Amino acid sequence: MDHTTYIRRETGVSIVINSVLSALFFWLVFGGVDPVPVWGMGNWVFDFLPQSFMIALMSTLVPGALTAKAIRAGKIAGNGPRNWLPVNLLARAVVLAILSAAGGTALVALLIIAVGVTLSLPWSITELSAATALAFKVIYGAILALIVTPPGLRQALANQG
């Protein structure tokens, strides 16, 4: 199997898994709360920190470990070009997790502030309906998996097993 096909397949799997997990964890954290508070410790925006960290971590660790196993078994060649990410799987996963948690949460916060300003609210949006909050979390989880999984896999495919 060529690397492009492999990366697309594994990224698709990562998107589905992270979408489902995003919905599950939303229900565990906010189940029964409607509307969902947006700002403050433990509330919706804050929850993007652990969500982003864990999605990036697991979207790198699991496919990376499976890729290393596939390379060792000779199912796919470990001869791709290296990228800027660490060669070590755990280090690569932690780097992507930290960048995702910081960057993703900041972008979500800025988006909510921008939407609030656009709607001429005094500061920003303070609550979201549970359905809107859940939909955004699931879509975010899918998008983050789409962004994080391919570079992690490319670096895994550059390793020689």
C-alpha atoms as a PDB file:
ATOM      1  CA  MET A   1       0.000   0.000   0.000  1.00  0.00           C
ATOM      2  CA  ASP A   2       1.342   3.440  -0.859  1.00  0.00           C
ATOM      3  CA  HIS A   3       1.820   6.045   1.882  1.00  0.00           C
ATOM      4  CA  THR A   4      -0.896   8.409   0.624  1.00  0.00           C
ATOM      5  CA  THR A   5      -3.564   5.704   0.699  1.00  0.00           C
ATOM      6  CA  TYR A   6      -2.358   4.510   4.091  1.00  0.00           C
ATOM      7  CA  ILE A   7      -2.443   8.029   5.586  1.00  0.00           C
ATOM      8  CA  ARG A   8      -5.923   8.692   4.168  1.00  0.00           C
ATOM      9  CA  ARG A   9      -7.276   5.431   5.567  1.00  0.00           C
ATOM     10  CA  GLU A  10      -5.764   5.900   9.024  1.00  0.00           C
ATOM     11  CA  THR A  11      -6.844   9.548   9.134  1.00  0.00           C
ATOM     12  CA  GLY A  12     -10.413   8.542   8.282  1.00  0.00           C
ATOM     13  CA  VAL A  13     -10.403   6.022  11.129  1.00  0.00           C
ATOM     14  CA  SER A  14      -8.983   8.669  13.477  1.00  0.00           C
ATOM     15  CA  ILE A  15     -11.688  11.162  12.475  1.00  0.00           C
ATOM     16  CA  VAL A  16     -14.488   8.680  13.173  1.00  0.00           C
ATOM     17  CA  ILE A  17     -13.046   7.531  16.506  1.00  0.00           C
ATOM     18  CA  ASN A  18     -12.365  11.064  17.730  1.00  0.00           C
ATOM     19  CA  SER A  19     -15.805  12.285  16.689  1.00  0.00           C
ATOM     20  CA  VAL A  20     -17.445   9.500  18.685  1.00  0.00           C
ATOM     21  CA  LEU A  21     -15.154  10.055  21.676  1.00  0.00           C
ATOM     22  CA  SER A  22     -15.821  13.800  21.559  1.00  0.00           C
ATOM     23  CA  ALA A  23     -19.562  13.135  21.759  1.00  0.00           C
ATOM     24  CA  LEU A  24     -19.108  10.602  24.567  1.00  0.00           C
ATOM     25  CA  PHE A  25     -16.931  12.887  26.672  1.00  0.00           C
ATOM     26  CA  PHE A  26     -19.258  15.832  26.045  1.00  0.00           C
ATOM     27  CA  TRP A  27     -22.088  13.744  27.436  1.00  0.00           C
ATOM     28  CA  LEU A  28     -19.966  12.689  30.447  1.00  0.00           C
ATOM     29  CA  VAL A  29     -18.933  16.271  31.254  1.00  0.00           C
ATOM     30  CA  PHE A  30     -22.035  18.234  30.262  1.00  0.00           C
ATOM     31  CA  GLY A  31     -24.799  15.615  30.062  1.00  0.00           C
ATOM     32  CA  GLY A  32     -28.067  17.121  31.275  1.00  0.00           C
ATOM     33  CA  VAL A  33     -26.751  20.696  31.288  1.00  0.00           C
ATOM     34  CA  ASP A  34     -28.695  22.956  28.937  1.00  0.00           C
ATOM     35  CA  PRO A  35     -27.682  25.628  28.190  1.00  0.00           C
ATOM     36  CA  VAL A  36     -23.967  24.885  28.541  1.00  0.00           C
ATOM     37  CA  PRO A  37     -21.921  27.652  30.202  1.00  0.00           C
ATOM     38  CA  VAL A  38     -19.145  28.813  27.892  1.00  0.00           C
ATOM     39  CA  TRP A  39     -16.589  30.561  30.111  1.00  0.00           C
ATOM     40  CA  GLY A  40     -14.848  29.575  33.322  1.00  0.00           C
ATOM     41  CA  MET A  41     -13.050  26.608  34.831  1.00  0.00           C
ATOM     42  CA  GLY A  42     -14.619  23.345  33.759  1.00  0.00           C
ATOM     43  CA  ASN A  43     -16.965  24.974  31.284  1.00  0.00           C
ATOM     44  CA  TRP A  44     -17.222  24.613  27.534  1.00  0.00           C
ATOM     45  CA  VAL A  45     -14.190  26.621  26.308  1.00  0.00           C
ATOM     46  CA  PHE A  46     -12.011  25.299  29.138  1.00  0.00           C
ATOM     47  CA  ASP A  47     -12.948  21.743  28.122  1.00  0.00           C
ATOM     48  CA  PHE A  48     -11.167  22.230  24.797  1.00  0.00           C
ATOM     49  CA  LEU A  49      -7.838  21.994  26.665  1.00  0.00           C
ATOM     50  CA  PRO A  50      -8.196  18.329  27.668  1.00  0.00           C
ATOM     51  CA  GLN A  51     -10.165  17.476  24.524  1.00  0.00           C
ATOM     52  CA  SER A  52      -7.466  18.904  22.253  1.00  0.00           C
ATOM     53  CA  PHE A  53      -4.643  17.373  24.254  1.00  0.00           C
ATOM     54  CA  MET A  54      -6.161  13.891  24.272  1.00  0.00           C
ATOM     55  CA  ILE A  55      -7.271  13.909  20.630  1.00  0.00           C
ATOM     56  CA  ALA A  56      -3.825  14.967  19.450  1.00  0.00           C
ATOM     57  CA  LEU A  57      -2.078  12.560  21.808  1.00  0.00           C
ATOM     58  CA  MET A  58      -4.176   9.557  20.805  1.00  0.00           C
ATOM     59  CA  SER A  59      -4.315  10.542  17.108  1.00  0.00           C
ATOM     60  CA  THR A  60      -0.531  10.331  17.147  1.00  0.00           C
ATOM     61  CA  LEU A  61       0.184   7.471  19.561  1.00  0.00           C
ATOM     62  CA  VAL A  62      -2.250   4.841  18.310  1.00  0.00           C
ATOM     63  CA  PRO A  63      -1.724   5.266  14.548  1.00  0.00           C
ATOM     64  CA  GLY A  64       2.018   5.732  15.163  1.00  0.00           C
ATOM     65  CA  ALA A  65       2.285   2.472  17.120  1.00  0.00           C
ATOM     66  CA  LEU A  66       0.200   0.629  14.524  1.00  0.00           C
ATOM     67  CA  THR A  67       2.377   2.063  11.753  1.00  0.00           C
ATOM     68  CA  ALA A  68       5.590   0.986  13.488  1.00  0.00           C
ATOM     69  CA  LYS A  69       4.137  -2.516  13.812  1.00  0.00           C
ATOM     70  CA  ALA A  70       3.126  -2.529  10.121  1.00  0.00           C
ATOM     71  CA  ILE A  71       6.634  -1.411   9.112  1.00  0.00           C
ATOM     72  CA  ARG A  72       8.243  -4.159  11.219  1.00  0.00           C
ATOM     73  CA  ALA A  73       5.873  -6.728   9.694  1.00  0.00           C
ATOM     74  CA  GLY A  74       6.747  -5.531   6.183  1.00  0.00           C
ATOM     75  CA  LYS A  75       3.186  -4.460   5.387  1.00  0.00           C
ATOM     76  CA  ILE A  76       4.257  -0.942   4.500  1.00  0.00           C
ATOM     77  CA  ALA A  77       7.631   0.607   3.747  1.00  0.00           C
ATOM     78  CA  GLY A  78       9.201   2.840   6.375  1.00  0.00           C
ATOM     79  CA  ASN A  79      10.971   5.039   3.886  1.00  0.00           C
ATOM     80  CA  GLY A  80       9.075   8.330   3.819  1.00  0.00           C
ATOM     81  CA  PRO A  81      10.616  11.780   4.204  1.00  0.00           C
ATOM     82  CA  ARG A  82      11.104  13.071   7.730  1.00  0.00           C
ATOM     83  CA  ASN A  83       9.312  16.208   8.948  1.00  0.00           C
ATOM     84  CA  TRP A  84       9.872  18.630  11.823  1.00  0.00           C
ATOM     85  CA  LEU A  85       8.255  16.368  14.427  1.00  0.00           C
ATOM     86  CA  PRO A  86      10.311  14.282  16.868  1.00  0.00           C
ATOM     87  CA  VAL A  87      11.241  10.788  15.706  1.00  0.00           C
ATOM     88  CA  ASN A  88      10.339   9.291  19.110  1.00  0.00           C
ATOM     89  CA  LEU A  89       6.624   8.395  19.122  1.00  0.00           C
ATOM     90  CA  LEU A  90       5.862   9.572  22.659  1.00  0.00           C
ATOM     91  CA  ALA A  91       7.742  12.854  22.169  1.00  0.00           C
ATOM     92  CA  ARG A  92       5.937  13.397  18.840  1.00  0.00           C
ATOM     93  CA  ALA A  93       2.554  12.765  20.470  1.00  0.00           C
ATOM     94  CA  VAL A  94       3.272  15.108  23.390  1.00  0.00           C
ATOM     95  CA  VAL A  95       4.497  17.913  21.102  1.00  0.00           C
ATOM     96  CA  LEU A  96       1.362  17.683  18.966  1.00  0.00           C
ATOM     97  CA  ALA A  97      -0.849  17.411  22.058  1.00  0.00           C
ATOM     98  CA  ILE A  98       0.601  20.532  23.694  1.00  0.00           C
ATOM     99  CA  LEU A  99       0.432  22.555  20.468  1.00  0.00           C
ATOM    100  CA  SER A 100      -3.142  21.387  19.865  1.00  0.00           C
ATOM    101  CA  ALA A 101      -4.308  22.123  23.390  1.00  0.00           C
ATOM    102  CA  ALA A 102      -2.851  25.630  23.406  1.00  0.00           C
ATOM    103  CA  GLY A 103      -3.631  26.568  19.816  1.00  0.00           C
ATOM    104  CA  GLY A 104      -7.003  24.867  19.507  1.00  0.00           C
ATOM    105  CA  THR A 105      -8.370  26.262  22.757  1.00  0.00           C
ATOM    106  CA  ALA A 106      -7.148  29.759  21.933  1.00  0.00           C
ATOM    107  CA  LEU A 107      -8.762  29.604  18.483  1.00  0.00           C
ATOM    108  CA  VAL A 108     -12.087  28.423  19.922  1.00  0.00           C
ATOM    109  CA  ALA A 109     -12.036  31.196  22.545  1.00  0.00           C
ATOM    110  CA  LEU A 110     -11.238  33.813  19.888  1.00  0.00           C
ATOM    111  CA  LEU A 111     -13.998  32.449  17.648  1.00  0.00           C
ATOM    112  CA  ILE A 112     -16.586  32.694  20.427  1.00  0.00           C
ATOM    113  CA  ILE A 113     -15.452  36.248  21.243  1.00  0.00           C
ATOM    114  CA  ALA A 114     -15.574  37.218  17.535  1.00  0.00           C
ATOM    115  CA  VAL A 115     -19.071  35.789  17.117  1.00  0.00           C
ATOM    116  CA  GLY A 116     -20.191  37.660  20.252  1.00  0.00           C
ATOM    117  CA  VAL A 117     -18.730  40.917  18.944  1.00  0.00           C
ATOM    118  CA  THR A 118     -20.343  40.348  15.538  1.00  0.00           C
ATOM    119  CA  LEU A 119     -23.710  39.850  17.231  1.00  0.00           C
ATOM    120  CA  SER A 120     -23.106  43.047  19.269  1.00  0.00           C
ATOM    121  CA  LEU A 121     -23.176  41.224  22.600  1.00  0.00           C
ATOM    122  CA  PRO A 122     -21.649  43.113  25.549  1.00  0.00           C
ATOM    123  CA  TRP A 123     -18.660  40.769  25.922  1.00  0.00           C
ATOM    124  CA  SER A 124     -19.228  37.490  24.208  1.00  0.00           C
ATOM    125  CA  ILE A 125     -21.449  34.471  24.180  1.00  0.00           C
ATOM    126  CA  THR A 126     -21.927  33.155  27.722  1.00  0.00           C
ATOM    127  CA  GLU A 127     -24.083  30.081  27.031  1.00  0.00           C
ATOM    128  CA  LEU A 128     -24.707  27.665  24.190  1.00  0.00           C
ATOM    129  CA  SER A 129     -27.541  25.233  23.739  1.00  0.00           C
ATOM    130  CA  ALA A 130     -26.474  21.690  24.516  1.00  0.00           C
ATOM    131  CA  ALA A 131     -27.102  20.676  20.889  1.00  0.00           C
ATOM    132  CA  THR A 132     -24.925  23.496  19.525  1.00  0.00           C
ATOM    133  CA  ALA A 133     -22.170  22.872  22.074  1.00  0.00           C
ATOM    134  CA  LEU A 134     -22.169  19.132  21.299  1.00  0.00           C
ATOM    135  CA  ALA A 135     -22.180  19.636  17.532  1.00  0.00           C
ATOM    136  CA  PHE A 136     -19.255  22.044  17.757  1.00  0.00           C
ATOM    137  CA  LYS A 137     -17.283  19.630  19.969  1.00  0.00           C
ATOM    138  CA  VAL A 138     -17.838  16.713  17.576  1.00  0.00           C
ATOM    139  CA  ILE A 139     -16.913  18.772  14.506  1.00  0.00           C
ATOM    140  CA  TYR A 140     -13.865  20.156  16.316  1.00  0.00           C
ATOM    141  CA  GLY A 141     -12.762  16.634  17.274  1.00  0.00           C
ATOM    142  CA  ALA A 142     -13.035  15.521  13.645  1.00  0.00           C
ATOM    143  CA  ILE A 143     -11.164  18.555  12.316  1.00  0.00           C
ATOM    144  CA  LEU A 144      -8.389  18.224  14.893  1.00  0.00           C
ATOM    145  CA  ALA A 145      -7.940  14.533  14.022  1.00  0.00           C
ATOM    146  CA  LEU A 146      -7.814  15.528  10.343  1.00  0.00           C
ATOM    147  CA  ILE A 147      -5.077  18.076  11.083  1.00  0.00           C
ATOM    148  CA  VAL A 148      -2.968  16.087  13.566  1.00  0.00           C
ATOM    149  CA  THR A 149      -3.041  12.510  12.276  1.00  0.00           C
ATOM    150  CA  PRO A 150      -1.333  12.965   8.861  1.00  0.00           C
ATOM    151  CA  PRO A 151       1.892  14.676  10.028  1.00  0.00           C
ATOM    152  CA  GLY A 152       2.239  12.180  12.873  1.00  0.00           C
ATOM    153  CA  LEU A 153       1.790   9.327  10.400  1.00  0.00           C
ATOM    154  CA  ARG A 154       4.227  10.866   7.913  1.00  0.00           C
ATOM    155  CA  GLN A 155       6.914  10.936  10.587  1.00  0.00           C
ATOM    156  CA  ALA A 156       6.034   7.365  11.626  1.00  0.00           C
ATOM    157  CA  LEU A 157       6.379   6.276   7.987  1.00  0.00           C
ATOM    158  CA  ALA A 158       9.806   7.932   7.821  1.00  0.00           C
ATOM    159  CA  ASN A 159      11.068   5.661  10.589  1.00  0.00           C
ATOM    160  CA  GLN A 160      12.725   2.432   9.639  1.00  0.00           C
ATOM    161  CA  GLY A 161      10.731   0.302  12.084  1.00  0.00           C
END
